[in-house]
C-alpha atoms as a PDB file:
ATOM      1  CA  UNK A   1       1.624 -28.536  -8.149  1.00  0.00           C
ATOM      2  CA  UNK A   2      -2.011 -29.445  -8.687  1.00  0.00           C
ATOM      3  CA  UNK A   3      -4.673 -27.080  -7.440  1.00  0.00           C
ATOM      4  CA  UNK A   4      -6.204 -28.303  -4.194  1.00  0.00           C
ATOM      5  CA  UNK A   5      -9.493 -26.464  -3.907  1.00  0.00           C
ATOM      6  CA  UNK A   6     -12.303 -27.576  -6.190  1.00  0.00           C
ATOM      7  CA  UNK A   7     -14.875 -24.830  -5.678  1.00  0.00           C
ATOM      8  CA  UNK A   8     -15.118 -21.247  -4.462  1.00  0.00           C
ATOM      9  CA  UNK A   9     -17.802 -18.661  -3.685  1.00  0.00           C
ATOM     10  CA  UNK A  10     -17.695 -14.933  -4.421  1.00  0.00           C
ATOM     11  CA  UNK A  11     -20.255 -12.946  -2.428  1.00  0.00           C
ATOM     12  CA  UNK A  12     -21.364  -9.788  -4.218  1.00  0.00           C
ATOM     13  CA  UNK A  13     -23.499  -6.679  -3.661  1.00  0.00           C
ATOM     14  CA  UNK A  14     -25.468  -4.891  -6.343  1.00  0.00           C
ATOM     15  CA  UNK A  15     -24.538  -1.291  -7.157  1.00  0.00           C
ATOM     16  CA  UNK A  16     -26.088   1.144  -9.605  1.00  0.00           C
ATOM     17  CA  UNK A  17     -24.819   0.951 -13.162  1.00  0.00           C
ATOM     18  CA  UNK A  18     -23.619   4.504 -13.789  1.00  0.00           C
ATOM     19  CA  UNK A  19     -23.022   3.752 -17.474  1.00  0.00           C
ATOM     20  CA  UNK A  20     -26.778   3.555 -18.171  1.00  0.00           C
ATOM     21  CA  UNK A  21     -28.203   6.634 -16.450  1.00  0.00           C
ATOM     22  CA  UNK A  22     -31.530   6.422 -18.311  1.00  0.00           C
ATOM     23  CA  UNK A  23     -32.246   2.961 -16.849  1.00  0.00           C
ATOM     24  CA  UNK A  24     -33.145   3.322 -13.168  1.00  0.00           C
ATOM     25  CA  UNK A  25     -33.186  -0.371 -12.172  1.00  0.00           C
ATOM     26  CA  UNK A  26     -29.893  -1.371 -13.790  1.00  0.00           C
ATOM     27  CA  UNK A  27     -27.202  -2.781 -11.471  1.00  0.00           C
ATOM     28  CA  UNK A  28     -23.760  -4.342 -11.630  1.00  0.00           C
ATOM     29  CA  UNK A  29     -22.002  -6.652  -9.171  1.00  0.00           C
ATOM     30  CA  UNK A  30     -19.446  -5.452  -6.633  1.00  0.00           C
ATOM     31  CA  UNK A  31     -17.566  -8.434  -5.217  1.00  0.00           C
ATOM     32  CA  UNK A  32     -17.061  -8.467  -1.447  1.00  0.00           C
ATOM     33  CA  UNK A  33     -13.318  -9.089  -1.471  1.00  0.00           C
ATOM     34  CA  UNK A  34     -11.511 -10.489   1.530  1.00  0.00           C
ATOM     35  CA  UNK A  35      -8.217  -9.191   2.930  1.00  0.00           C
ATOM     36  CA  UNK A  36      -5.443  -8.215   0.539  1.00  0.00           C
ATOM     37  CA  UNK A  37      -2.870 -11.002   0.408  1.00  0.00           C
ATOM     38  CA  UNK A  38       0.838 -10.157   0.314  1.00  0.00           C
ATOM     39  CA  UNK A  39       3.739 -12.443  -0.592  1.00  0.00           C
ATOM     40  CA  UNK A  40       4.209 -12.985   3.154  1.00  0.00           C
ATOM     41  CA  UNK A  41       0.670 -14.354   3.431  1.00  0.00           C
ATOM     42  CA  UNK A  42       1.128 -16.541   0.351  1.00  0.00           C
ATOM     43  CA  UNK A  43       4.472 -17.897   1.542  1.00  0.00           C
ATOM     44  CA  UNK A  44       3.001 -18.747   4.951  1.00  0.00           C
ATOM     45  CA  UNK A  45       0.053 -20.497   3.303  1.00  0.00           C
ATOM     46  CA  UNK A  46       2.294 -22.586   1.040  1.00  0.00           C
ATOM     47  CA  UNK A  47       4.591 -23.508   3.931  1.00  0.00           C
ATOM     48  CA  UNK A  48       1.593 -24.618   5.980  1.00  0.00           C
ATOM     49  CA  UNK A  49       0.464 -26.924   3.155  1.00  0.00           C
ATOM     50  CA  UNK A  50       3.935 -28.052   2.040  1.00  0.00           C
ATOM     51  CA  UNK A  51       6.173 -28.334   5.080  1.00  0.00           C
ATOM     52  CA  UNK A  52       9.287 -29.175   3.031  1.00  0.00           C
ATOM     53  CA  UNK A  53       9.494 -25.535   1.886  1.00  0.00           C
ATOM     54  CA  UNK A  54      10.848 -22.755   4.088  1.00  0.00           C
ATOM     55  CA  UNK A  55       8.963 -19.449   4.153  1.00  0.00           C
ATOM     56  CA  UNK A  56      12.062 -17.353   3.454  1.00  0.00           C
ATOM     57  CA  UNK A  57      12.990 -19.632   0.522  1.00  0.00           C
ATOM     58  CA  UNK A  58       9.544 -19.203  -1.031  1.00  0.00           C
ATOM     59  CA  UNK A  59       9.719 -15.428  -0.630  1.00  0.00           C
ATOM     60  CA  UNK A  60      13.236 -15.163  -2.040  1.00  0.00           C
ATOM     61  CA  UNK A  61      12.419 -17.266  -5.106  1.00  0.00           C
ATOM     62  CA  UNK A  62       9.220 -15.304  -5.702  1.00  0.00           C
ATOM     63  CA  UNK A  63      11.126 -12.023  -5.512  1.00  0.00           C
ATOM     64  CA  UNK A  64      13.626 -13.343  -8.057  1.00  0.00           C
ATOM     65  CA  UNK A  65      10.844 -14.469 -10.398  1.00  0.00           C
ATOM     66  CA  UNK A  66       9.004 -11.139 -10.100  1.00  0.00           C
ATOM     67  CA  UNK A  67      12.213  -9.220 -10.798  1.00  0.00           C
ATOM     68  CA  UNK A  68      12.992 -11.350 -13.848  1.00  0.00           C
ATOM     69  CA  UNK A  69       9.454 -10.928 -15.217  1.00  0.00           C
ATOM     70  CA  UNK A  70       9.773  -7.146 -14.933  1.00  0.00           C
ATOM     71  CA  UNK A  71      13.144  -7.182 -16.654  1.00  0.00           C
ATOM     72  CA  UNK A  72      12.006  -9.442 -19.515  1.00  0.00           C
ATOM     73  CA  UNK A  73       8.843  -7.443 -20.172  1.00  0.00           C
ATOM     74  CA  UNK A  74      10.796  -4.183 -20.184  1.00  0.00           C
ATOM     75  CA  UNK A  75      13.226  -5.842 -22.600  1.00  0.00           C
ATOM     76  CA  UNK A  76      10.344  -6.404 -25.019  1.00  0.00           C
ATOM     77  CA  UNK A  77       9.369  -9.998 -24.252  1.00  0.00           C
ATOM     78  CA  UNK A  78       5.874 -11.346 -23.658  1.00  0.00           C
ATOM     79  CA  UNK A  79       5.951 -13.410 -20.467  1.00  0.00           C
ATOM     80  CA  UNK A  80       3.416 -16.124 -19.651  1.00  0.00           C
ATOM     81  CA  UNK A  81       3.113 -17.564 -16.132  1.00  0.00           C
ATOM     82  CA  UNK A  82       0.538 -19.841 -14.562  1.00  0.00           C
ATOM     83  CA  UNK A  83      -1.484 -16.808 -13.498  1.00  0.00           C
ATOM     84  CA  UNK A  84      -1.063 -14.107 -16.112  1.00  0.00           C
ATOM     85  CA  UNK A  85       0.352 -13.044 -19.452  1.00  0.00           C
ATOM     86  CA  UNK A  86       2.405  -9.847 -19.550  1.00  0.00           C
ATOM     87  CA  UNK A  87       2.739  -8.096 -22.909  1.00  0.00           C
ATOM     88  CA  UNK A  88       4.487  -4.795 -23.764  1.00  0.00           C
ATOM     89  CA  UNK A  89       2.172  -2.091 -25.081  1.00  0.00           C
ATOM     90  CA  UNK A  90       2.327   1.500 -26.323  1.00  0.00           C
ATOM     91  CA  UNK A  91      -1.235   2.894 -26.227  1.00  0.00           C
ATOM     92  CA  UNK A  92      -2.594   6.003 -27.863  1.00  0.00           C
ATOM     93  CA  UNK A  93      -3.005   7.240 -31.430  1.00  0.00           C
ATOM     94  CA  UNK A  94      -0.062   8.374 -33.555  1.00  0.00           C
ATOM     95  CA  UNK A  95      -0.658  11.331 -35.849  1.00  0.00           C
ATOM     96  CA  UNK A  96       0.949  10.651 -39.229  1.00  0.00           C
ATOM     97  CA  UNK A  97       3.157   7.744 -40.276  1.00  0.00           C
ATOM     98  CA  UNK A  98       6.501   8.994 -38.917  1.00  0.00           C
ATOM     99  CA  UNK A  99       6.132   7.366 -35.519  1.00  0.00           C
ATOM    100  CA  UNK A 100       6.447  10.666 -33.687  1.00  0.00           C
ATOM    101  CA  UNK A 101       5.870  10.008 -29.991  1.00  0.00           C
ATOM    102  CA  UNK A 102       3.716  12.258 -27.836  1.00  0.00           C
ATOM    103  CA  UNK A 103       5.054  11.635 -24.310  1.00  0.00           C
ATOM    104  CA  UNK A 104       1.703  12.616 -22.807  1.00  0.00           C
ATOM    105  CA  UNK A 105      -0.193   9.989 -24.827  1.00  0.00           C
ATOM    106  CA  UNK A 106       2.203   7.298 -26.042  1.00  0.00           C
ATOM    107  CA  UNK A 107       3.530   5.994 -22.742  1.00  0.00           C
ATOM    108  CA  UNK A 108       4.977   2.505 -22.431  1.00  0.00           C
ATOM    109  CA  UNK A 109       2.596   0.228 -20.556  1.00  0.00           C
ATOM    110  CA  UNK A 110       1.929  -3.443 -19.893  1.00  0.00           C
ATOM    111  CA  UNK A 111      -1.126  -5.462 -20.902  1.00  0.00           C
ATOM    112  CA  UNK A 112      -1.850  -8.072 -18.235  1.00  0.00           C
ATOM    113  CA  UNK A 113      -4.409 -10.811 -18.946  1.00  0.00           C
ATOM    114  CA  UNK A 114      -5.300 -13.982 -17.016  1.00  0.00           C
ATOM    115  CA  UNK A 115      -3.466 -17.091 -18.236  1.00  0.00           C
ATOM    116  CA  UNK A 116      -5.266 -20.375 -18.971  1.00  0.00           C
ATOM    117  CA  UNK A 117      -4.637 -21.937 -15.507  1.00  0.00           C
ATOM    118  CA  UNK A 118      -6.087 -18.794 -13.869  1.00  0.00           C
ATOM    119  CA  UNK A 119      -9.142 -18.829 -16.159  1.00  0.00           C
ATOM    120  CA  UNK A 120      -9.624 -22.531 -15.425  1.00  0.00           C
ATOM    121  CA  UNK A 121      -9.519 -21.903 -11.672  1.00  0.00           C
ATOM    122  CA  UNK A 122     -11.894 -18.915 -11.908  1.00  0.00           C
ATOM    123  CA  UNK A 123     -14.361 -21.144 -13.741  1.00  0.00           C
ATOM    124  CA  UNK A 124     -14.806 -23.018 -10.433  1.00  0.00           C
ATOM    125  CA  UNK A 125     -16.112 -19.886  -8.677  1.00  0.00           C
ATOM    126  CA  UNK A 126     -19.821 -19.643  -7.832  1.00  0.00           C
ATOM    127  CA  UNK A 127     -21.200 -16.068  -7.559  1.00  0.00           C
ATOM    128  CA  UNK A 128     -23.610 -15.600  -4.646  1.00  0.00           C
ATOM    129  CA  UNK A 129     -25.758 -12.499  -4.087  1.00  0.00           C
ATOM    130  CA  UNK A 130     -25.291 -11.080  -0.584  1.00  0.00           C
ATOM    131  CA  UNK A 131     -28.768  -9.545  -0.571  1.00  0.00           C
ATOM    132  CA  UNK A 132     -27.348  -6.005  -0.327  1.00  0.00           C
ATOM    133  CA  UNK A 133     -28.281  -3.388  -2.929  1.00  0.00           C
ATOM    134  CA  UNK A 134     -26.219  -0.210  -2.764  1.00  0.00           C
ATOM    135  CA  UNK A 135     -28.030   2.745  -4.331  1.00  0.00           C
ATOM    136  CA  UNK A 136     -25.257   5.301  -4.428  1.00  0.00           C
ATOM    137  CA  UNK A 137     -26.844   8.234  -6.270  1.00  0.00           C
ATOM    138  CA  UNK A 138     -23.371   9.572  -7.034  1.00  0.00           C
ATOM    139  CA  UNK A 139     -22.188   9.167  -3.431  1.00  0.00           C
ATOM    140  CA  UNK A 140     -18.733   7.710  -2.863  1.00  0.00           C
ATOM    141  CA  UNK A 141     -15.709   7.759  -0.573  1.00  0.00           C
ATOM    142  CA  UNK A 142     -12.834   8.975  -2.734  1.00  0.00           C
ATOM    143  CA  UNK A 143      -9.779   9.116  -0.501  1.00  0.00           C
ATOM    144  CA  UNK A 144      -8.634   8.382   3.052  1.00  0.00           C
ATOM    145  CA  UNK A 145      -5.644  10.333   4.377  1.00  0.00           C
ATOM    146  CA  UNK A 146      -3.722   9.254   7.470  1.00  0.00           C
ATOM    147  CA  UNK A 147      -3.039  12.660   9.009  1.00  0.00           C
ATOM    148  CA  UNK A 148      -0.167  11.378  11.164  1.00  0.00           C
ATOM    149  CA  UNK A 149       1.882  10.122   8.206  1.00  0.00           C
ATOM    150  CA  UNK A 150       0.353  11.967   5.251  1.00  0.00           C
ATOM    151  CA  UNK A 151      -0.117   8.634   3.471  1.00  0.00           C
ATOM    152  CA  UNK A 152      -3.095   7.679   1.312  1.00  0.00           C
ATOM    153  CA  UNK A 153      -1.984   4.105   0.536  1.00  0.00           C
ATOM    154  CA  UNK A 154      -4.308   2.523   3.111  1.00  0.00           C
ATOM    155  CA  UNK A 155      -1.896   2.356   6.045  1.00  0.00           C
ATOM    156  CA  UNK A 156      -3.379   3.973   9.165  1.00  0.00           C
ATOM    157  CA  UNK A 157      -2.045   4.921  12.605  1.00  0.00           C
ATOM    158  CA  UNK A 158      -3.828   3.897  15.848  1.00  0.00           C
ATOM    159  CA  UNK A 159      -4.595   7.016  17.865  1.00  0.00           C
ATOM    160  CA  UNK A 160      -4.165   9.200  14.788  1.00  0.00           C
ATOM    161  CA  UNK A 161      -6.747  11.035  12.711  1.00  0.00           C
ATOM    162  CA  UNK A 162      -8.268  10.080   9.369  1.00  0.00           C
ATOM    163  CA  UNK A 163      -9.247  12.752   6.845  1.00  0.00           C
ATOM    164  CA  UNK A 164     -11.866  11.280   4.500  1.00  0.00           C
ATOM    165  CA  UNK A 165     -12.985  13.020   1.320  1.00  0.00           C
ATOM    166  CA  UNK A 166     -15.704  12.133  -1.156  1.00  0.00           C
ATOM    167  CA  UNK A 167     -19.170  13.001  -2.422  1.00  0.00           C
ATOM    168  CA  UNK A 168     -22.373  12.932  -0.326  1.00  0.00           C
ATOM    169  CA  UNK A 169     -20.555  11.284   2.585  1.00  0.00           C
ATOM    170  CA  UNK A 170     -22.030  13.293   5.468  1.00  0.00           C
ATOM    171  CA  UNK A 171     -23.232  10.773   8.057  1.00  0.00           C
ATOM    172  CA  UNK A 172     -26.809  11.630   9.079  1.00  0.00           C
ATOM    173  CA  UNK A 173     -29.416   9.604  10.965  1.00  0.00           C
ATOM    174  CA  UNK A 174     -32.849   8.637   9.657  1.00  0.00           C
ATOM    175  CA  UNK A 175     -34.538  11.700  11.125  1.00  0.00           C
ATOM    176  CA  UNK A 176     -31.989  14.133   9.786  1.00  0.00           C
ATOM    177  CA  UNK A 177     -30.320  14.593  13.160  1.00  0.00           C
ATOM    178  CA  UNK A 178     -27.493  12.722  14.805  1.00  0.00           C
ATOM    179  CA  UNK A 179     -25.094  10.372  13.089  1.00  0.00           C
ATOM    180  CA  UNK A 180     -25.887   7.440  10.875  1.00  0.00           C
ATOM    181  CA  UNK A 181     -22.830   5.267  11.439  1.00  0.00           C
ATOM    182  CA  UNK A 182     -19.121   5.558  10.715  1.00  0.00           C
ATOM    183  CA  UNK A 183     -17.197   2.412  11.528  1.00  0.00           C
ATOM    184  CA  UNK A 184     -14.287   0.114  10.792  1.00  0.00           C
ATOM    185  CA  UNK A 185     -15.097  -3.493   9.927  1.00  0.00           C
ATOM    186  CA  UNK A 186     -12.559  -6.323  10.031  1.00  0.00           C
ATOM    187  CA  UNK A 187     -11.950  -7.647   6.526  1.00  0.00           C
ATOM    188  CA  UNK A 188     -11.304 -11.177   7.788  1.00  0.00           C
ATOM    189  CA  UNK A 189     -14.725 -11.814   9.341  1.00  0.00           C
ATOM    190  CA  UNK A 190     -16.729  -8.600   8.752  1.00  0.00           C
ATOM    191  CA  UNK A 191     -17.052  -8.027  12.502  1.00  0.00           C
ATOM    192  CA  UNK A 192     -17.208  -4.457  13.784  1.00  0.00           C
ATOM    193  CA  UNK A 193     -13.861  -3.218  15.117  1.00  0.00           C
ATOM    194  CA  UNK A 194     -14.627   0.428  15.930  1.00  0.00           C
ATOM    195  CA  UNK A 195     -17.568   2.848  15.787  1.00  0.00           C
ATOM    196  CA  UNK A 196     -17.032   6.603  15.723  1.00  0.00           C
ATOM    197  CA  UNK A 197     -19.666   8.566  17.602  1.00  0.00           C
ATOM    198  CA  UNK A 198     -17.863  11.924  17.423  1.00  0.00           C
ATOM    199  CA  UNK A 199     -16.633  13.419  14.178  1.00  0.00           C
ATOM    200  CA  UNK A 200     -14.385  16.472  14.045  1.00  0.00           C
ATOM    201  CA  UNK A 201     -15.772  17.245  10.587  1.00  0.00           C
ATOM    202  CA  UNK A 202     -19.000  15.843   9.143  1.00  0.00           C
ATOM    203  CA  UNK A 203     -19.560  17.612   5.832  1.00  0.00           C
ATOM    204  CA  UNK A 204     -21.025  16.380   2.525  1.00  0.00           C
ATOM    205  CA  UNK A 205     -17.519  16.100   1.056  1.00  0.00           C
ATOM    206  CA  UNK A 206     -15.367  15.534   4.130  1.00  0.00           C
ATOM    207  CA  UNK A 207     -15.244  13.523   7.355  1.00  0.00           C
ATOM    208  CA  UNK A 208     -12.565  13.682  10.024  1.00  0.00           C
ATOM    209  CA  UNK A 209     -12.236  11.551  13.144  1.00  0.00           C
ATOM    210  CA  UNK A 210      -9.711   9.962  15.519  1.00  0.00           C
ATOM    211  CA  UNK A 211      -8.859   6.260  15.496  1.00  0.00           C
ATOM    212  CA  UNK A 212      -8.780   4.269  18.756  1.00  0.00           C
ATOM    213  CA  UNK A 213      -5.307   4.168  20.263  1.00  0.00           C
ATOM    214  CA  UNK A 214      -5.665   0.420  20.879  1.00  0.00           C
ATOM    215  CA  UNK A 215      -6.768  -0.485  17.333  1.00  0.00           C
ATOM    216  CA  UNK A 216      -5.230  -3.914  16.746  1.00  0.00           C
ATOM    217  CA  UNK A 217      -3.014  -4.888  13.834  1.00  0.00           C
ATOM    218  CA  UNK A 218      -5.096  -6.061  10.915  1.00  0.00           C
ATOM    219  CA  UNK A 219      -6.975  -5.089   7.792  1.00  0.00           C
ATOM    220  CA  UNK A 220     -10.176  -3.048   7.912  1.00  0.00           C
ATOM    221  CA  UNK A 221     -12.897  -1.569   5.727  1.00  0.00           C
ATOM    222  CA  UNK A 222     -14.209   1.944   6.300  1.00  0.00           C
ATOM    223  CA  UNK A 223     -18.019   1.945   6.229  1.00  0.00           C
ATOM    224  CA  UNK A 224     -20.256   5.022   6.329  1.00  0.00           C
ATOM    225  CA  UNK A 225     -24.015   4.648   6.765  1.00  0.00           C
ATOM    226  CA  UNK A 226     -26.170   7.686   6.106  1.00  0.00           C
ATOM    227  CA  UNK A 227     -29.578   8.992   5.106  1.00  0.00           C
ATOM    228  CA  UNK A 228     -28.003  12.135   3.633  1.00  0.00           C
ATOM    229  CA  UNK A 229     -28.787  13.053   0.019  1.00  0.00           C
ATOM    230  CA  UNK A 230     -28.432  16.824  -0.084  1.00  0.00           C
ATOM    231  CA  UNK A 231     -28.625  19.750   2.329  1.00  0.00           C
ATOM    232  CA  UNK A 232     -32.421  19.776   1.962  1.00  0.00           C
ATOM    233  CA  UNK A 233     -33.191  16.129   1.180  1.00  0.00           C
ATOM    234  CA  UNK A 234     -32.978  12.879   3.125  1.00  0.00           C
ATOM    235  CA  UNK A 235     -33.006   9.387   1.664  1.00  0.00           C
ATOM    236  CA  UNK A 236     -35.968   7.098   2.259  1.00  0.00           C
ATOM    237  CA  UNK A 237     -33.585   4.195   2.829  1.00  0.00           C
ATOM    238  CA  UNK A 238     -30.170   4.042   4.466  1.00  0.00           C
ATOM    239  CA  UNK A 239     -27.194   4.309   2.118  1.00  0.00           C
ATOM    240  CA  UNK A 240     -24.034   2.348   2.898  1.00  0.00           C
ATOM    241  CA  UNK A 241     -20.715   3.590   1.523  1.00  0.00           C
ATOM    242  CA  UNK A 242     -17.646   1.355   1.623  1.00  0.00           C
ATOM    243  CA  UNK A 243     -14.161   2.623   0.842  1.00  0.00           C
ATOM    244  CA  UNK A 244     -12.797   0.242  -1.833  1.00  0.00           C
ATOM    245  CA  UNK A 245      -9.238   0.215  -0.453  1.00  0.00           C
ATOM    246  CA  UNK A 246      -8.567  -1.790   2.705  1.00  0.00           C
ATOM    247  CA  UNK A 247      -7.110   0.146   5.646  1.00  0.00           C
ATOM    248  CA  UNK A 248      -4.163  -1.585   7.309  1.00  0.00           C
ATOM    249  CA  UNK A 249      -2.663  -1.357  10.788  1.00  0.00           C
ATOM    250  CA  UNK A 250       0.756  -2.899  11.367  1.00  0.00           C
ATOM    251  CA  UNK A 251       1.536  -3.791   7.757  1.00  0.00           C
ATOM    252  CA  UNK A 252       1.984  -2.497   4.255  1.00  0.00           C
ATOM    253  CA  UNK A 253      -0.999  -1.665   2.077  1.00  0.00           C
ATOM    254  CA  UNK A 254      -1.200  -1.901  -1.667  1.00  0.00           C
ATOM    255  CA  UNK A 255      -3.127   1.148  -2.722  1.00  0.00           C
ATOM    256  CA  UNK A 256      -0.522   3.865  -3.134  1.00  0.00           C
ATOM    257  CA  UNK A 257      -0.585   5.420  -6.579  1.00  0.00           C
ATOM    258  CA  UNK A 258       3.171   5.015  -7.074  1.00  0.00           C
ATOM    259  CA  UNK A 259       2.882   1.237  -6.557  1.00  0.00           C
ATOM    260  CA  UNK A 260       0.151   0.689  -9.107  1.00  0.00           C
ATOM    261  CA  UNK A 261       1.232  -0.839 -12.428  1.00  0.00           C
ATOM    262  CA  UNK A 262      -0.078   0.725 -15.619  1.00  0.00           C
ATOM    263  CA  UNK A 263      -2.484  -1.856 -17.010  1.00  0.00           C
ATOM    264  CA  UNK A 264      -4.308  -1.529 -20.288  1.00  0.00           C
END
């Protein structure tokens, strides 16, 4: 089936380039991704465009294709689809010429690279600067734990508590007192879904707060705004931290470590 869309736009922020610490005004792009799409979303989208296909048929065929790709790659084949090429790989250095395997280093993996149709489609994308520059100074949100379920895969429970860990994440207002802002933003339209004015814990490496009991099903971003730099220093400008994994209510998320493929 021919591709329908002829052009796209990726909005991006600028973040500090931590690979060049000696250069102070060196930045890299961080794309503002939209919601994470599952096979359910894709099947619904195809069915809406091509009414002759049933949603359950699309999902079943896709599951069969995915299963067969996994089996073929694990059987030693290189598989090429319209989106990606999958190639078996054994990374790491071997000491000597006997092929002795170190299980800690020489683990079987899969190299995944974009296929030609994917590269052709990506060539239609126009990057557009959002106007936001994120000066992190080493600050980051590392992990979000749903206390009710113990999960860290991005699924969250309305009415439950979130335990957030990271570096320099204490939320402090411009004057050094009060909160900056801790909020959930809808991925779909970037509108504000919830703001947390009371935190059970508000430390440099840990935040803890309760989600609204009526938080609607959907996909959210956790955003922390702060002027905090250290226990004795405030920033001159507000810093905005965004957790890179979407938080999901009423669905499955894709960030659990066990679900991540090993990609070289």
